[in-house]
C-alpha atoms as a PDB file:
ATOM      1  CA  MET A   1     -98.807 -54.466 113.591  1.00  0.00           C
ATOM      2  CA  ALA A   2     -97.723 -50.969 112.156  1.00  0.00           C
ATOM      3  CA  ALA A   3     -99.147 -49.308 115.107  1.00  0.00           C
ATOM      4  CA  ILE A   4     -96.910 -50.995 117.349  1.00  0.00           C
ATOM      5  CA  ALA A   5     -93.905 -49.131 116.623  1.00  0.00           C
ATOM      6  CA  PRO A   6     -95.039 -45.811 116.914  1.00  0.00           C
ATOM      7  CA  LEU A   7     -96.298 -46.833 120.650  1.00  0.00           C
ATOM      8  CA  GLN A   8     -92.788 -48.220 121.577  1.00  0.00           C
ATOM      9  CA  GLU A   9     -90.872 -45.459 119.462  1.00  0.00           C
ATOM     10  CA  ARG A  10     -92.946 -43.072 121.779  1.00  0.00           C
ATOM     11  CA  ALA A  11     -92.586 -44.599 125.085  1.00  0.00           C
ATOM     12  CA  GLY A  12     -88.577 -43.847 124.828  1.00  0.00           C
ATOM     13  CA  ARG A  13     -87.792 -47.914 123.369  1.00  0.00           C
ATOM     14  CA  ARG A  14     -85.282 -47.764 120.843  1.00  0.00           C
ATOM     15  CA  SER A  15     -83.697 -51.579 119.574  1.00  0.00           C
ATOM     16  CA  PRO A  16     -80.040 -52.537 121.061  1.00  0.00           C
ATOM     17  CA  GLU A  17     -77.212 -50.925 119.721  1.00  0.00           C
ATOM     18  CA  ARG A  18     -75.070 -53.310 118.078  1.00  0.00           C
ATOM     19  CA  VAL A  19     -71.471 -53.122 116.287  1.00  0.00           C
ATOM     20  CA  GLU A  20     -69.066 -54.892 114.539  1.00  0.00           C
ATOM     21  CA  ARG A  21     -65.153 -54.939 113.697  1.00  0.00           C
ATOM     22  CA  ARG A  22     -62.945 -56.775 112.479  1.00  0.00           C
ATOM     23  CA  SER A  23     -59.097 -57.072 112.723  1.00  0.00           C
ATOM     24  CA  PHE A  24     -55.956 -58.850 111.732  1.00  0.00           C
ATOM     25  CA  VAL A  25     -53.889 -59.983 114.480  1.00  0.00           C
ATOM     26  CA  LYS A  26     -50.434 -61.378 113.347  1.00  0.00           C
ATOM     27  CA  ALA A  27     -50.604 -64.667 115.663  1.00  0.00           C
ATOM     28  CA  PRO A  28     -52.275 -67.755 115.577  1.00  0.00           C
ATOM     29  CA  PRO A  29     -55.490 -68.580 116.883  1.00  0.00           C
ATOM     30  CA  ARG A  30     -54.004 -69.667 119.914  1.00  0.00           C
ATOM     31  CA  VAL A  31     -52.043 -66.930 120.898  1.00  0.00           C
ATOM     32  CA  VAL A  32     -55.484 -64.795 120.510  1.00  0.00           C
ATOM     33  CA  TRP A  33     -57.571 -66.689 123.025  1.00  0.00           C
ATOM     34  CA  CYS A  34     -54.922 -66.864 124.866  1.00  0.00           C
ATOM     35  CA  ALA A  35     -54.635 -62.881 125.358  1.00  0.00           C
ATOM     36  CA  LEU A  36     -58.170 -62.668 125.086  1.00  0.00           C
ATOM     37  CA  HIS A  37     -58.739 -65.034 128.757  1.00  0.00           C
ATOM     38  CA  ASP A  38     -55.144 -64.271 130.391  1.00  0.00           C
ATOM     39  CA  VAL A  39     -56.472 -62.498 133.654  1.00  0.00           C
ATOM     40  CA  ALA A  40     -53.783 -59.994 133.600  1.00  0.00           C
ATOM     41  CA  ASN A  41     -55.086 -58.486 130.431  1.00  0.00           C
ATOM     42  CA  THR A  42     -58.327 -58.193 131.927  1.00  0.00           C
ATOM     43  CA  ALA A  43     -57.696 -54.489 132.819  1.00  0.00           C
ATOM     44  CA  ARG A  44     -56.031 -53.132 129.832  1.00  0.00           C
ATOM     45  CA  LEU A  45     -58.580 -55.332 127.038  1.00  0.00           C
ATOM     46  CA  PHE A  46     -61.914 -53.807 129.499  1.00  0.00           C
ATOM     47  CA  PRO A  47     -60.824 -50.262 130.681  1.00  0.00           C
ATOM     48  CA  GLU A  48     -64.720 -49.889 131.280  1.00  0.00           C
ATOM     49  CA  LEU A  49     -64.905 -53.085 133.440  1.00  0.00           C
ATOM     50  CA  ARG A  50     -63.250 -53.700 137.141  1.00  0.00           C
ATOM     51  CA  LEU A  51     -63.733 -57.508 137.456  1.00  0.00           C
ATOM     52  CA  GLY A  52     -63.090 -59.719 140.534  1.00  0.00           C
ATOM     53  CA  PRO A  53     -60.837 -62.476 140.543  1.00  0.00           C
ATOM     54  CA  ALA A  54     -61.763 -64.888 137.775  1.00  0.00           C
ATOM     55  CA  ASP A  55     -62.627 -68.469 138.985  1.00  0.00           C
ATOM     56  CA  PRO A  56     -60.604 -71.063 137.616  1.00  0.00           C
ATOM     57  CA  ALA A  57     -63.518 -72.475 135.386  1.00  0.00           C
ATOM     58  CA  TRP A  58     -63.314 -69.090 133.769  1.00  0.00           C
ATOM     59  CA  PRO A  59     -63.945 -68.448 130.663  1.00  0.00           C
ATOM     60  CA  ALA A  60     -65.726 -71.748 130.682  1.00  0.00           C
ATOM     61  CA  ALA A  61     -69.387 -71.329 129.527  1.00  0.00           C
ATOM     62  CA  ALA A  62     -71.817 -70.597 132.411  1.00  0.00           C
ATOM     63  CA  THR A  63     -69.052 -68.927 134.525  1.00  0.00           C
ATOM     64  CA  THR A  64     -69.451 -65.825 136.009  1.00  0.00           C
ATOM     65  CA  ARG A  65     -67.210 -62.867 137.517  1.00  0.00           C
ATOM     66  CA  HIS A  66     -68.336 -59.860 139.491  1.00  0.00           C
ATOM     67  CA  GLY A  67     -67.116 -56.566 139.252  1.00  0.00           C
ATOM     68  CA  ARG A  68     -68.011 -52.782 138.235  1.00  0.00           C
ATOM     69  CA  ALA A  69     -68.762 -51.168 134.759  1.00  0.00           C
ATOM     70  CA  ARG A  70     -68.066 -47.721 133.380  1.00  0.00           C
ATOM     71  CA  LEU A  71     -69.532 -46.911 130.855  1.00  0.00           C
ATOM     72  CA  GLY A  72     -70.256 -43.398 129.616  1.00  0.00           C
ATOM     73  CA  LEU A  73     -71.493 -41.585 132.407  1.00  0.00           C
ATOM     74  CA  LEU A  74     -73.532 -44.267 134.080  1.00  0.00           C
ATOM     75  CA  ARG A  75     -71.255 -46.249 136.785  1.00  0.00           C
ATOM     76  CA  SER A  76     -73.256 -49.654 137.770  1.00  0.00           C
ATOM     77  CA  GLU A  77     -72.253 -52.975 139.377  1.00  0.00           C
ATOM     78  CA  ALA A  78     -72.146 -55.296 136.457  1.00  0.00           C
ATOM     79  CA  THR A  79     -71.819 -59.383 135.928  1.00  0.00           C
ATOM     80  CA  ALA A  80     -69.859 -60.614 133.370  1.00  0.00           C
ATOM     81  CA  GLU A  81     -71.058 -64.026 131.973  1.00  0.00           C
ATOM     82  CA  SER A  82     -69.584 -66.587 129.630  1.00  0.00           C
ATOM     83  CA  LEU A  83     -72.224 -67.903 127.869  1.00  0.00           C
ATOM     84  CA  GLU A  84     -69.943 -69.576 124.656  1.00  0.00           C
ATOM     85  CA  ALA A  85     -66.039 -70.440 124.921  1.00  0.00           C
ATOM     86  CA  ARG A  86     -64.774 -71.995 122.315  1.00  0.00           C
ATOM     87  CA  PRO A  87     -61.242 -72.496 122.809  1.00  0.00           C
ATOM     88  CA  GLN A  88     -59.295 -70.802 119.919  1.00  0.00           C
ATOM     89  CA  THR A  89     -62.429 -69.961 117.738  1.00  0.00           C
ATOM     90  CA  ARG A  90     -64.987 -68.050 119.396  1.00  0.00           C
ATOM     91  CA  PHE A  91     -66.416 -66.877 122.778  1.00  0.00           C
ATOM     92  CA  ARG A  92     -69.372 -64.726 123.872  1.00  0.00           C
ATOM     93  CA  LEU A  93     -69.736 -62.863 126.903  1.00  0.00           C
ATOM     94  CA  ARG A  94     -72.641 -60.965 128.446  1.00  0.00           C
ATOM     95  CA  VAL A  95     -72.249 -58.157 130.796  1.00  0.00           C
ATOM     96  CA  SER A  96     -75.020 -56.515 132.456  1.00  0.00           C
ATOM     97  CA  GLY A  97     -75.875 -54.435 135.949  1.00  0.00           C
ATOM     98  CA  PRO A  98     -79.585 -52.774 136.231  1.00  0.00           C
ATOM     99  CA  ALA A  99     -79.007 -50.262 133.889  1.00  0.00           C
ATOM    100  CA  PHE A 100     -78.254 -52.060 131.124  1.00  0.00           C
ATOM    101  CA  ASP A 101     -77.495 -55.474 129.195  1.00  0.00           C
ATOM    102  CA  SER A 102     -74.589 -55.446 126.750  1.00  0.00           C
ATOM    103  CA  GLU A 103     -73.429 -59.076 124.783  1.00  0.00           C
ATOM    104  CA  TRP A 104     -69.810 -59.115 123.277  1.00  0.00           C
ATOM    105  CA  THR A 105     -68.963 -62.010 121.062  1.00  0.00           C
ATOM    106  CA  TRP A 106     -65.497 -62.835 119.703  1.00  0.00           C
ATOM    107  CA  HIS A 107     -64.686 -64.858 116.448  1.00  0.00           C
ATOM    108  CA  LEU A 108     -61.713 -66.013 115.764  1.00  0.00           C
ATOM    109  CA  GLU A 109     -60.965 -67.228 111.956  1.00  0.00           C
ATOM    110  CA  PRO A 110     -57.193 -68.781 111.310  1.00  0.00           C
ATOM    111  CA  LEU A 111     -55.891 -66.794 108.048  1.00  0.00           C
ATOM    112  CA  ALA A 112     -52.227 -67.365 106.572  1.00  0.00           C
ATOM    113  CA  GLY A 113     -49.647 -64.854 109.098  1.00  0.00           C
ATOM    114  CA  GLY A 114     -52.329 -64.658 111.621  1.00  0.00           C
ATOM    115  CA  THR A 115     -55.931 -64.564 113.057  1.00  0.00           C
ATOM    116  CA  ARG A 116     -59.265 -62.623 111.817  1.00  0.00           C
ATOM    117  CA  VAL A 117     -60.654 -61.616 114.811  1.00  0.00           C
ATOM    118  CA  VAL A 118     -64.490 -60.144 114.573  1.00  0.00           C
ATOM    119  CA  HIS A 119     -66.168 -58.547 117.517  1.00  0.00           C
ATOM    120  CA  VAL A 120     -69.661 -57.902 118.282  1.00  0.00           C
ATOM    121  CA  ALA A 121     -71.193 -55.997 120.663  1.00  0.00           C
ATOM    122  CA  SER A 122     -74.744 -54.655 121.935  1.00  0.00           C
ATOM    123  CA  LEU A 123     -75.786 -52.496 124.297  1.00  0.00           C
ATOM    124  CA  GLU A 124     -79.356 -52.121 125.497  1.00  0.00           C
ATOM    125  CA  PRO A 125     -79.719 -49.529 128.555  1.00  0.00           C
ATOM    126  CA  ALA A 126     -82.894 -50.353 130.747  1.00  0.00           C
ATOM    127  CA  ASP A 127     -84.323 -47.065 130.597  1.00  0.00           C
ATOM    128  CA  ARG A 128     -84.298 -43.611 129.419  1.00  0.00           C
ATOM    129  CA  VAL A 129     -82.044 -42.332 132.600  1.00  0.00           C
ATOM    130  CA  ALA A 130     -79.022 -45.161 131.866  1.00  0.00           C
ATOM    131  CA  ASP A 131     -79.628 -44.167 127.710  1.00  0.00           C
ATOM    132  CA  LEU A 132     -79.232 -40.444 128.817  1.00  0.00           C
ATOM    133  CA  LEU A 133     -76.048 -41.322 130.874  1.00  0.00           C
ATOM    134  CA  LEU A 134     -74.451 -43.954 128.418  1.00  0.00           C
ATOM    135  CA  ARG A 135     -74.701 -40.968 125.503  1.00  0.00           C
ATOM    136  CA  LEU A 136     -73.782 -38.692 127.443  1.00  0.00           C
ATOM    137  CA  GLY A 137     -70.129 -40.243 127.811  1.00  0.00           C
ATOM    138  CA  ARG A 138     -67.440 -39.348 125.514  1.00  0.00           C
ATOM    139  CA  GLU A 139     -67.129 -43.194 123.921  1.00  0.00           C
ATOM    140  CA  ASN A 140     -69.671 -44.597 122.652  1.00  0.00           C
ATOM    141  CA  LEU A 141     -70.279 -48.280 121.848  1.00  0.00           C
ATOM    142  CA  ALA A 142     -67.861 -48.446 118.368  1.00  0.00           C
ATOM    143  CA  SER A 143     -65.232 -46.872 119.805  1.00  0.00           C
ATOM    144  CA  ARG A 144     -64.872 -49.188 122.824  1.00  0.00           C
ATOM    145  CA  VAL A 145     -65.098 -52.337 120.549  1.00  0.00           C
ATOM    146  CA  GLU A 146     -62.126 -50.548 118.294  1.00  0.00           C
ATOM    147  CA  ALA A 147     -60.849 -50.454 121.690  1.00  0.00           C
ATOM    148  CA  HIS A 148     -61.419 -53.192 122.405  1.00  0.00           C
ATOM    149  CA  LEU A 149     -59.377 -55.073 119.191  1.00  0.00           C
ATOM    150  CA  ARG A 150     -56.073 -52.694 119.501  1.00  0.00           C
ATOM    151  CA  GLU A 151     -55.661 -53.977 122.629  1.00  0.00           C
ATOM    152  CA  LEU A 152     -56.423 -57.550 122.162  1.00  0.00           C
ATOM    153  CA  LYS A 153     -54.075 -57.053 118.872  1.00  0.00           C
ATOM    154  CA  ALA A 154     -51.025 -55.411 121.231  1.00  0.00           C
ATOM    155  CA  CYS A 155     -51.366 -58.302 123.886  1.00  0.00           C
ATOM    156  CA  ALA A 156     -51.288 -60.838 121.015  1.00  0.00           C
ATOM    157  CA  GLU A 157     -48.494 -59.666 119.278  1.00  0.00           C
ATOM    158  CA  ALA A 158     -46.570 -58.729 122.350  1.00  0.00           C
ATOM    159  CA  ASN A 159     -47.260 -62.506 123.798  1.00  0.00           C
ATOM    160  CA  LEU A 160     -46.073 -63.971 120.421  1.00  0.00           C
ATOM    161  CA  SER A 161     -42.904 -62.131 119.947  1.00  0.00           C
ATOM    162  CA  ARG A 162     -42.026 -63.419 123.913  1.00  0.00           C
ATOM    163  CA  GLU A 163     -42.686 -67.394 122.759  1.00  0.00           C
ATOM    164  CA  PRO A 164     -39.846 -69.211 121.865  1.00  0.00           C
ATOM    165  CA  ALA A 165     -39.505 -70.093 118.462  1.00  0.00           C
ATOM    166  CA  GLY A 166     -40.826 -73.971 117.853  1.00  0.00           C
END
């Protein structure tokens, strides 16, 4: 078994990059979930994606959206596929293209006064050229995950302030 790892390293294969970040949002999970899936927020929440229109069933599991991804210096066609959609609890999304495969997950946990959001993302380039283009860009996976959380927090808290008191 020990001989396999050096062969993989010499072949340029490395394990997918994985990042996890947490944030507290001053809004209930229902509001956070709605902000995450509001089509009007897509460009703001995910500036690295330009997705086409959402199917009426989106974000139900197994639904897809097509578009383009801009990751670092890599530009590629992309498909976003909902892998799991448990309203107000968990959303898992695969974003992939010919040169990369990534998975994004959000866990929403109710806490007093709001929601803890745990966002996990992984990214695996398809080859050395894609890996180089991803690394040459100014943003890495961690900064993208942090930006996703920052924008989700801003959108959800803004939506909560617009809701009528009930």
